[in-house]
C-alpha atoms as a PDB file:
ATOM      1  CA  MET A   1     216.786 101.031-111.863  1.00  0.00           C
ATOM      2  CA  VAL A   2     215.096  99.449-108.747  1.00  0.00           C
ATOM      3  CA  LEU A   3     213.378  96.224-109.724  1.00  0.00           C
ATOM      4  CA  GLY A   4     210.398  94.628-107.824  1.00  0.00           C
ATOM      5  CA  ILE A   5     212.594  91.818-106.360  1.00  0.00           C
ATOM      6  CA  GLN A   6     214.908  94.519-104.868  1.00  0.00           C
ATOM      7  CA  ILE A   7     211.888  96.173-103.189  1.00  0.00           C
ATOM      8  CA  ALA A   8     210.716  92.887-101.882  1.00  0.00           C
ATOM      9  CA  GLY A   9     214.314  92.109-100.530  1.00  0.00           C
ATOM     10  CA  PHE A  10     214.365  95.450 -99.038  1.00  0.00           C
ATOM     11  CA  LEU A  11     211.024  95.185 -97.377  1.00  0.00           C
ATOM     12  CA  PHE A  12     211.853  91.710 -96.113  1.00  0.00           C
ATOM     13  CA  GLY A  13     215.253  92.806 -94.743  1.00  0.00           C
ATOM     14  CA  MET A  14     213.573  95.659 -92.765  1.00  0.00           C
ATOM     15  CA  PHE A  15     211.066  93.291 -91.386  1.00  0.00           C
ATOM     16  CA  MET A  16     213.715  90.888 -90.243  1.00  0.00           C
ATOM     17  CA  ILE A  17     215.731  93.753 -88.415  1.00  0.00           C
ATOM     18  CA  TYR A  18     212.535  94.733 -86.763  1.00  0.00           C
ATOM     19  CA  TYR A  19     211.574  91.102 -85.740  1.00  0.00           C
ATOM     20  CA  SER A  20     215.134  90.582 -84.417  1.00  0.00           C
ATOM     21  CA  PHE A  21     214.778  93.784 -82.420  1.00  0.00           C
ATOM     22  CA  VAL A  22     211.351  92.752 -81.055  1.00  0.00           C
ATOM     23  CA  ASN A  23     212.925  89.308 -80.029  1.00  0.00           C
ATOM     24  CA  TYR A  24     215.863  91.208 -78.389  1.00  0.00           C
ATOM     25  CA  LYS A  25     213.426  93.392 -76.392  1.00  0.00           C
ATOM     26  CA  LYS A  26     211.495  90.307 -75.286  1.00  0.00           C
ATOM     27  CA  LYS A  27     214.670  88.872 -73.995  1.00  0.00           C
ATOM     28  CA  GLN A  28     214.674  85.969 -76.324  1.00  0.00           C
ATOM     29  CA  PHE A  29     217.987  87.261 -77.909  1.00  0.00           C
ATOM     30  CA  ASN A  30     220.903  88.549 -75.905  1.00  0.00           C
ATOM     31  CA  ALA A  31     222.905  91.473 -77.160  1.00  0.00           C
ATOM     32  CA  LYS A  32     225.413  89.282 -79.147  1.00  0.00           C
ATOM     33  CA  GLU A  33     222.705  87.194 -80.835  1.00  0.00           C
ATOM     34  CA  PHE A  34     220.885  90.532 -81.748  1.00  0.00           C
ATOM     35  CA  GLY A  35     224.183  92.012 -83.029  1.00  0.00           C
ATOM     36  CA  PHE A  36     224.778  88.919 -85.317  1.00  0.00           C
ATOM     37  CA  TRP A  37     221.420  89.079 -86.658  1.00  0.00           C
ATOM     38  CA  PHE A  38     221.548  92.880 -87.159  1.00  0.00           C
ATOM     39  CA  VAL A  39     224.758  92.552 -89.118  1.00  0.00           C
ATOM     40  CA  LEU A  40     223.458  89.634 -91.078  1.00  0.00           C
ATOM     41  CA  TRP A  41     220.313  91.579 -92.084  1.00  0.00           C
ATOM     42  CA  MET A  42     222.097  94.763 -92.911  1.00  0.00           C
ATOM     43  CA  GLY A  43     224.453  92.844 -95.153  1.00  0.00           C
ATOM     44  CA  PHE A  44     221.372  91.355 -96.792  1.00  0.00           C
ATOM     45  CA  LEU A  45     220.000  94.779 -97.272  1.00  0.00           C
ATOM     46  CA  VAL A  46     223.334  96.193 -98.757  1.00  0.00           C
ATOM     47  CA  VAL A  47     223.415  93.223-101.140  1.00  0.00           C
ATOM     48  CA  THR A  48     219.863  93.752-102.162  1.00  0.00           C
ATOM     49  CA  ILE A  49     220.209  97.459-102.669  1.00  0.00           C
ATOM     50  CA  TYR A  50     223.700  97.231-104.486  1.00  0.00           C
ATOM     51  CA  PRO A  51     223.749  93.748-106.156  1.00  0.00           C
ATOM     52  CA  ALA A  52     226.801  94.867-108.366  1.00  0.00           C
ATOM     53  CA  ILE A  53     229.182  94.479-105.077  1.00  0.00           C
ATOM     54  CA  LEU A  54     228.985  90.732-105.809  1.00  0.00           C
ATOM     55  CA  ASP A  55     230.427  91.041-109.445  1.00  0.00           C
ATOM     56  CA  PRO A  56     233.955  90.444-108.655  1.00  0.00           C
ATOM     57  CA  LEU A  57     232.983  87.340-106.618  1.00  0.00           C
ATOM     58  CA  THR A  58     230.757  86.155-109.426  1.00  0.00           C
ATOM     59  CA  LYS A  59     233.552  86.653-112.174  1.00  0.00           C
ATOM     60  CA  SER A  60     236.140  84.923-109.927  1.00  0.00           C
ATOM     61  CA  LEU A  61     234.061  81.922-109.303  1.00  0.00           C
ATOM     62  CA  SER A  62     232.937  81.655-113.032  1.00  0.00           C
ATOM     63  CA  PHE A  63     229.301  82.275-112.607  1.00  0.00           C
ATOM     64  CA  PHE A  64     227.345  83.898-115.437  1.00  0.00           C
ATOM     65  CA  ARG A  65     224.891  85.785-113.163  1.00  0.00           C
ATOM     66  CA  THR A  66     225.039  86.938-109.674  1.00  0.00           C
ATOM     67  CA  LEU A  67     221.624  85.358-109.161  1.00  0.00           C
ATOM     68  CA  ASP A  68     223.359  81.920-109.825  1.00  0.00           C
ATOM     69  CA  LEU A  69     225.884  82.765-107.072  1.00  0.00           C
ATOM     70  CA  LEU A  70     222.946  83.749-104.798  1.00  0.00           C
ATOM     71  CA  VAL A  71     220.840  80.812-105.358  1.00  0.00           C
ATOM     72  CA  ILE A  72     223.757  78.228-105.072  1.00  0.00           C
ATOM     73  CA  SER A  73     224.881  80.045-101.733  1.00  0.00           C
ATOM     74  CA  GLY A  74     221.335  80.043-100.382  1.00  0.00           C
ATOM     75  CA  MET A  75     221.086  76.389-101.139  1.00  0.00           C
ATOM     76  CA  LEU A  76     224.387  75.491 -99.400  1.00  0.00           C
ATOM     77  CA  PHE A  77     223.536  77.660 -96.431  1.00  0.00           C
ATOM     78  CA  LEU A  78     220.053  75.945 -96.117  1.00  0.00           C
ATOM     79  CA  ILE A  79     221.728  72.494 -96.188  1.00  0.00           C
ATOM     80  CA  ALA A  80     224.286  73.542 -93.385  1.00  0.00           C
ATOM     81  CA  ILE A  81     221.572  75.030 -91.241  1.00  0.00           C
ATOM     82  CA  ASN A  82     219.434  71.927 -91.735  1.00  0.00           C
ATOM     83  CA  PHE A  83     222.285  69.558 -90.673  1.00  0.00           C
ATOM     84  CA  TYR A  84     223.120  71.824 -87.715  1.00  0.00           C
ATOM     85  CA  THR A  85     219.550  71.742 -86.521  1.00  0.00           C
ATOM     86  CA  TYR A  86     219.534  67.925 -86.877  1.00  0.00           C
ATOM     87  CA  VAL A  87     222.845  67.516 -84.702  1.00  0.00           C
ATOM     88  CA  VAL A  88     221.251  69.819 -82.060  1.00  0.00           C
ATOM     89  CA  THR A  89     218.085  67.877 -82.128  1.00  0.00           C
ATOM     90  CA  ARG A  90     219.832  64.447 -81.826  1.00  0.00           C
ATOM     91  CA  LYS A  91     221.774  65.852 -78.811  1.00  0.00           C
ATOM     92  CA  ASN A  92     218.788  67.199 -77.116  1.00  0.00           C
ATOM     93  CA  GLN A  93     217.017  63.853 -77.695  1.00  0.00           C
ATOM     94  CA  LYS A  94     219.918  61.882 -76.263  1.00  0.00           C
ATOM     95  CA  GLN A  95     219.981  64.138 -73.207  1.00  0.00           C
ATOM     96  CA  LEU A  96     216.273  63.750 -72.640  1.00  0.00           C
ATOM     97  CA  GLU A  97     216.376  59.967 -73.020  1.00  0.00           C
ATOM     98  CA  LYS A  98     219.059  59.870 -70.323  1.00  0.00           C
ATOM     99  CA  ILE A  99     217.064  62.086 -67.905  1.00  0.00           C
ATOM    100  CA  VAL A 100     213.827  60.169 -68.540  1.00  0.00           C
ATOM    101  CA  ARG A 101     215.803  56.776 -67.952  1.00  0.00           C
ATOM    102  CA  SER A 102     217.328  58.038 -64.735  1.00  0.00           C
ATOM    103  CA  ILE A 103     213.883  59.200 -63.324  1.00  0.00           C
ATOM    104  CA  ALA A 104     212.282  55.920 -64.380  1.00  0.00           C
ATOM    105  CA  ILE A 105     215.143  54.064 -62.427  1.00  0.00           C
ATOM    106  CA  LYS A 106     214.698  56.239 -59.482  1.00  0.00           C
ATOM    107  CA  LYS A 107     210.904  55.614 -59.444  1.00  0.00           C
ATOM    108  CA  GLY A 108     211.328  51.775 -59.896  1.00  0.00           C
ATOM    109  CA  ARG A 109     213.566  51.728 -56.805  1.00  0.00           C
ATOM    110  CA  ASN A 110     211.122  53.514 -54.714  1.00  0.00           C
ATOM    111  CA  LYS A 111     208.426  51.116 -55.294  1.00  0.00           C
END
């Protein structure tokens, strides 16, 4: 029995595969990045179509429902991605400050 959420998840997964392909064609992703996203979205599609695949993991981790496992995994993933984005942003900010400081010093010496 296919539920509405499975149809929505399937359509979302297919759209994301297409969107990843479009970004690959626009040269925004290289082949490795596209491969990573393709495998990730295909895994998402498999879990969406066959959610019973996760039943052994759900039982071994003592969750009552597969949805509980997915919600907690999603939250942990979002927290990790948010932290990674913060670290990369801080690194870029420090590099930008260093570049701006060196340009300002060079312009100050030329006056």
